[in-house]
Amino acid sequence: MKGSNLFKHKQIEERAAEIAAFIIENNATVRQTAKQFGISKSTVHKDVTERLLQVNPSLAERARVVLDLNKSERHIRGGLATKEKYLHKGKTVQGY
């Protein structure tokens, strides 16, 4: 039983490192990363901010920089998405 737990733990550590590398290389958001890996946003966040910190602190810190940048810019992306939504909505209404 201990062997399988150790194997599972190693898999999680490797996944956390892969996730961090993806975030860093692509300046990816948590949502984009979760979609790419087929896991939840919560898992992405926990892997990078908690699990990876124990295994590879320098990689975790580099990923954290990208996540913090994304967090600081999210209100801008949200505003642009809303603007785009209403621009298209207006065209549909005017088209009648």
N, C-alpha and C. Protein backbone atom coordinates (compact mmCIF):
# COMPACT_ATOMS: atom_id res chain seq x y z
N MET A 1 0.82 -1.20 0.00
CA MET A 1 0.00 0.00 0.00
C MET A 1 0.86 1.26 0.00
N LYS A 2 1.96 1.23 0.77
CA LYS A 2 2.83 2.40 0.83
C LYS A 2 3.42 2.73 -0.54
N GLY A 3 3.76 1.70 -1.31
CA GLY A 3 4.33 1.91 -2.63
C GLY A 3 3.39 2.64 -3.56
N SER A 4 2.11 2.30 -3.52
CA SER A 4 1.14 2.96 -4.40
C SER A 4 0.91 4.41 -3.98
N ASN A 5 0.95 4.67 -2.67
CA ASN A 5 0.81 6.05 -2.20
C ASN A 5 2.01 6.89 -2.63
N LEU A 6 3.18 6.31 -2.55
CA LEU A 6 4.39 7.01 -2.96
C LEU A 6 4.35 7.31 -4.46
N PHE A 7 3.88 6.34 -5.24
CA PHE A 7 3.76 6.52 -6.69
C PHE A 7 2.77 7.64 -7.00
N LYS A 8 1.63 7.63 -6.32
CA LYS A 8 0.61 8.65 -6.54
C LYS A 8 1.15 10.03 -6.16
N HIS A 9 1.87 10.09 -5.06
CA HIS A 9 2.45 11.35 -4.61
C HIS A 9 3.44 11.88 -5.65
N LYS A 10 4.24 10.99 -6.21
CA LYS A 10 5.22 11.37 -7.24
C LYS A 10 4.51 11.88 -8.49
N GLN A 11 3.40 11.23 -8.87
CA GLN A 11 2.62 11.68 -10.02
C GLN A 11 2.10 13.10 -9.81
N ILE A 12 1.61 13.37 -8.62
CA ILE A 12 1.08 14.70 -8.31
C ILE A 12 2.19 15.74 -8.38
N GLU A 13 3.36 15.41 -7.86
CA GLU A 13 4.49 16.33 -7.92
C GLU A 13 4.89 16.62 -9.37
N GLU A 14 4.91 15.58 -10.19
CA GLU A 14 5.25 15.76 -11.61
C GLU A 14 4.21 16.60 -12.32
N ARG A 15 2.93 16.36 -12.02
CA ARG A 15 1.85 17.14 -12.62
C ARG A 15 2.00 18.61 -12.22
N ALA A 16 2.30 18.87 -10.97
CA ALA A 16 2.46 20.24 -10.49
C ALA A 16 3.58 20.95 -11.25
N ALA A 17 4.68 20.25 -11.50
CA ALA A 17 5.79 20.83 -12.25
C ALA A 17 5.40 21.09 -13.70
N GLU A 18 4.67 20.16 -14.31
CA GLU A 18 4.19 20.35 -15.69
C GLU A 18 3.26 21.54 -15.78
N ILE A 19 2.37 21.65 -14.83
CA ILE A 19 1.42 22.76 -14.80
C ILE A 19 2.16 24.09 -14.70
N ALA A 20 3.11 24.16 -13.79
CA ALA A 20 3.88 25.40 -13.62
C ALA A 20 4.63 25.76 -14.89
N ALA A 21 5.24 24.78 -15.52
CA ALA A 21 5.97 25.03 -16.77
C ALA A 21 5.03 25.56 -17.84
N PHE A 22 3.84 25.00 -17.93
CA PHE A 22 2.85 25.45 -18.92
C PHE A 22 2.45 26.90 -18.64
N ILE A 23 2.19 27.20 -17.39
CA ILE A 23 1.80 28.57 -17.01
C ILE A 23 2.90 29.55 -17.38
N ILE A 24 4.14 29.21 -17.07
CA ILE A 24 5.27 30.10 -17.34
C ILE A 24 5.50 30.28 -18.84
N GLU A 25 5.51 29.18 -19.58
CA GLU A 25 5.81 29.24 -21.02
C GLU A 25 4.73 29.96 -21.81
N ASN A 26 3.47 29.84 -21.37
CA ASN A 26 2.35 30.39 -22.13
C ASN A 26 1.71 31.61 -21.49
N ASN A 27 2.26 32.07 -20.37
CA ASN A 27 1.60 33.13 -19.60
C ASN A 27 0.12 32.80 -19.41
N ALA A 28 -0.14 31.55 -19.13
CA ALA A 28 -1.50 31.04 -19.08
C ALA A 28 -2.20 31.40 -17.77
N THR A 29 -3.51 31.55 -17.88
CA THR A 29 -4.33 31.76 -16.70
C THR A 29 -4.63 30.41 -16.06
N VAL A 30 -5.15 30.45 -14.84
CA VAL A 30 -5.55 29.22 -14.16
C VAL A 30 -6.62 28.51 -14.98
N ARG A 31 -7.55 29.27 -15.52
CA ARG A 31 -8.64 28.68 -16.31
C ARG A 31 -8.11 28.00 -17.57
N GLN A 32 -7.21 28.66 -18.29
CA GLN A 32 -6.62 28.07 -19.49
C GLN A 32 -5.85 26.80 -19.15
N THR A 33 -5.12 26.85 -18.06
CA THR A 33 -4.32 25.70 -17.63
C THR A 33 -5.21 24.54 -17.24
N ALA A 34 -6.26 24.81 -16.50
CA ALA A 34 -7.19 23.76 -16.09
C ALA A 34 -7.80 23.08 -17.31
N LYS A 35 -8.18 23.88 -18.29
CA LYS A 35 -8.77 23.32 -19.51
C LYS A 35 -7.75 22.46 -20.25
N GLN A 36 -6.52 22.94 -20.35
CA GLN A 36 -5.46 22.22 -21.06
C GLN A 36 -5.18 20.86 -20.42
N PHE A 37 -5.17 20.81 -19.09
CA PHE A 37 -4.83 19.58 -18.38
C PHE A 37 -6.04 18.74 -17.99
N GLY A 38 -7.24 19.27 -18.23
CA GLY A 38 -8.46 18.52 -17.90
C GLY A 38 -8.67 18.34 -16.41
N ILE A 39 -8.30 19.36 -15.64
CA ILE A 39 -8.48 19.32 -14.19
C ILE A 39 -9.18 20.60 -13.75
N SER A 40 -9.56 20.66 -12.49
CA SER A 40 -10.27 21.83 -11.99
C SER A 40 -9.32 23.01 -11.75
N LYS A 41 -9.91 24.20 -11.73
CA LYS A 41 -9.12 25.40 -11.43
C LYS A 41 -8.55 25.31 -10.02
N SER A 42 -9.32 24.72 -9.11
CA SER A 42 -8.85 24.57 -7.72
C SER A 42 -7.60 23.69 -7.66
N THR A 43 -7.60 22.62 -8.44
CA THR A 43 -6.44 21.72 -8.46
C THR A 43 -5.21 22.43 -9.03
N VAL A 44 -5.40 23.19 -10.09
CA VAL A 44 -4.29 23.95 -10.67
C VAL A 44 -3.71 24.88 -9.61
N HIS A 45 -4.58 25.62 -8.97
CA HIS A 45 -4.13 26.59 -7.98
C HIS A 45 -3.41 25.91 -6.81
N LYS A 46 -3.98 24.83 -6.31
CA LYS A 46 -3.37 24.12 -5.18
C LYS A 46 -2.03 23.50 -5.58
N ASP A 47 -1.96 22.92 -6.78
CA ASP A 47 -0.71 22.33 -7.25
C ASP A 47 0.41 23.37 -7.29
N VAL A 48 0.11 24.54 -7.82
CA VAL A 48 1.15 25.55 -8.03
C VAL A 48 1.48 26.30 -6.74
N THR A 49 0.48 26.62 -5.94
CA THR A 49 0.73 27.47 -4.77
C THR A 49 1.11 26.68 -3.52
N GLU A 50 0.73 25.41 -3.44
CA GLU A 50 1.03 24.63 -2.23
C GLU A 50 1.96 23.45 -2.51
N ARG A 51 1.53 22.55 -3.38
CA ARG A 51 2.30 21.31 -3.60
C ARG A 51 3.66 21.59 -4.21
N LEU A 52 3.70 22.39 -5.25
CA LEU A 52 4.97 22.66 -5.93
C LEU A 52 5.94 23.43 -5.03
N LEU A 53 5.41 24.23 -4.17
CA LEU A 53 6.24 25.00 -3.24
C LEU A 53 7.09 24.08 -2.37
N GLN A 54 6.56 22.91 -2.05
CA GLN A 54 7.29 21.94 -1.23
C GLN A 54 8.37 21.22 -2.04
N VAL A 55 8.13 21.03 -3.32
CA VAL A 55 9.01 20.23 -4.17
C VAL A 55 10.05 21.07 -4.90
N ASN A 56 9.60 22.18 -5.49
CA ASN A 56 10.48 23.02 -6.30
C ASN A 56 10.12 24.49 -6.07
N PRO A 57 10.60 25.08 -5.01
CA PRO A 57 10.22 26.45 -4.67
C PRO A 57 10.53 27.49 -5.75
N SER A 58 11.64 27.33 -6.45
CA SER A 58 11.99 28.32 -7.48
C SER A 58 11.02 28.28 -8.65
N LEU A 59 10.62 27.08 -9.07
CA LEU A 59 9.63 26.95 -10.14
C LEU A 59 8.28 27.49 -9.67
N ALA A 60 7.93 27.20 -8.44
CA ALA A 60 6.67 27.69 -7.87
C ALA A 60 6.65 29.22 -7.85
N GLU A 61 7.77 29.82 -7.52
CA GLU A 61 7.85 31.28 -7.47
C GLU A 61 7.70 31.89 -8.86
N ARG A 62 8.33 31.28 -9.86
CA ARG A 62 8.21 31.79 -11.24
C ARG A 62 6.77 31.68 -11.73
N ALA A 63 6.10 30.58 -11.41
CA ALA A 63 4.70 30.42 -11.79
C ALA A 63 3.84 31.43 -11.04
N ARG A 64 4.17 31.67 -9.79
CA ARG A 64 3.41 32.61 -8.96
C ARG A 64 3.46 34.01 -9.54
N VAL A 65 4.60 34.40 -10.11
CA VAL A 65 4.73 35.72 -10.74
C VAL A 65 3.72 35.86 -11.87
N VAL A 66 3.60 34.83 -12.70
CA VAL A 66 2.64 34.86 -13.81
C VAL A 66 1.21 34.90 -13.27
N LEU A 67 0.91 34.08 -12.28
CA LEU A 67 -0.44 34.07 -11.71
C LEU A 67 -0.79 35.42 -11.10
N ASP A 68 0.16 36.04 -10.41
CA ASP A 68 -0.09 37.36 -9.82
C ASP A 68 -0.32 38.42 -10.89
N LEU A 69 0.44 38.35 -11.97
CA LEU A 69 0.25 39.28 -13.08
C LEU A 69 -1.15 39.10 -13.68
N ASN A 70 -1.53 37.84 -13.92
CA ASN A 70 -2.86 37.56 -14.46
C ASN A 70 -3.95 38.09 -13.53
N LYS A 71 -3.74 37.91 -12.25
CA LYS A 71 -4.73 38.38 -11.27
C LYS A 71 -4.85 39.90 -11.32
N SER A 72 -3.73 40.59 -11.48
CA SER A 72 -3.77 42.05 -11.52
C SER A 72 -4.41 42.57 -12.81
N GLU A 73 -4.41 41.75 -13.86
CA GLU A 73 -4.96 42.17 -15.15
C GLU A 73 -6.37 41.66 -15.40
N ARG A 74 -6.89 40.82 -14.53
CA ARG A 74 -8.17 40.16 -14.83
C ARG A 74 -9.32 41.14 -14.94
N HIS A 75 -9.31 42.22 -14.18
CA HIS A 75 -10.41 43.18 -14.29
C HIS A 75 -10.41 43.85 -15.67
N ILE A 76 -9.26 43.99 -16.26
CA ILE A 76 -9.16 44.58 -17.59
C ILE A 76 -9.72 43.60 -18.63
N ARG A 77 -9.31 42.32 -18.53
CA ARG A 77 -9.83 41.31 -19.46
C ARG A 77 -11.34 41.17 -19.33
N GLY A 78 -11.82 41.22 -18.10
CA GLY A 78 -13.27 41.13 -17.87
C GLY A 78 -14.01 42.29 -18.50
N GLY A 79 -13.45 43.48 -18.35
CA GLY A 79 -14.06 44.66 -18.95
C GLY A 79 -14.08 44.59 -20.46
N LEU A 80 -13.00 44.11 -21.04
CA LEU A 80 -12.94 43.97 -22.50
C LEU A 80 -13.94 42.93 -22.99
N ALA A 81 -14.08 41.84 -22.24
CA ALA A 81 -15.04 40.80 -22.62
C ALA A 81 -16.47 41.33 -22.55
N THR A 82 -16.76 42.11 -21.53
CA THR A 82 -18.09 42.70 -21.39
C THR A 82 -18.35 43.69 -22.53
N LYS A 83 -17.36 44.51 -22.84
CA LYS A 83 -17.49 45.47 -23.93
C LYS A 83 -17.78 44.74 -25.24
N GLU A 84 -17.01 43.68 -25.49
CA GLU A 84 -17.18 42.89 -26.71
C GLU A 84 -18.57 42.27 -26.76
N LYS A 85 -19.03 41.77 -25.64
CA LYS A 85 -20.35 41.14 -25.56
C LYS A 85 -21.44 42.14 -25.97
N TYR A 86 -21.38 43.34 -25.43
CA TYR A 86 -22.42 44.32 -25.72
C TYR A 86 -22.27 44.93 -27.10
N LEU A 87 -21.07 44.96 -27.65
CA LEU A 87 -20.91 45.41 -29.03
C LEU A 87 -21.61 44.45 -29.98
N HIS A 88 -21.44 43.15 -29.75
CA HIS A 88 -22.10 42.15 -30.60
C HIS A 88 -23.59 42.12 -30.34
N LYS A 89 -23.99 42.31 -29.12
CA LYS A 89 -25.41 42.31 -28.77
C LYS A 89 -26.10 43.48 -29.46
N GLY A 90 -25.44 44.62 -29.50
CA GLY A 90 -26.00 45.80 -30.16
C GLY A 90 -26.18 45.59 -31.65
N LYS A 91 -25.25 44.89 -32.28
CA LYS A 91 -25.36 44.62 -33.72
C LYS A 91 -26.55 43.73 -34.01
N THR A 92 -26.79 42.76 -33.14
CA THR A 92 -27.92 41.86 -33.33
C THR A 92 -29.23 42.62 -33.21
N VAL A 93 -29.34 43.47 -32.23
CA VAL A 93 -30.56 44.24 -32.01
C VAL A 93 -30.78 45.21 -33.15
N GLN A 94 -29.73 45.89 -33.59
CA GLN A 94 -29.85 46.85 -34.67
C GLN A 94 -30.16 46.17 -36.00
N GLY A 95 -29.81 44.91 -36.12
CA GLY A 95 -30.03 44.18 -37.36
C GLY A 95 -31.49 43.88 -37.65
N TYR A 96 -32.35 44.01 -36.66
CA TYR A 96 -33.77 43.71 -36.87
C TYR A 96 -34.43 44.72 -37.70
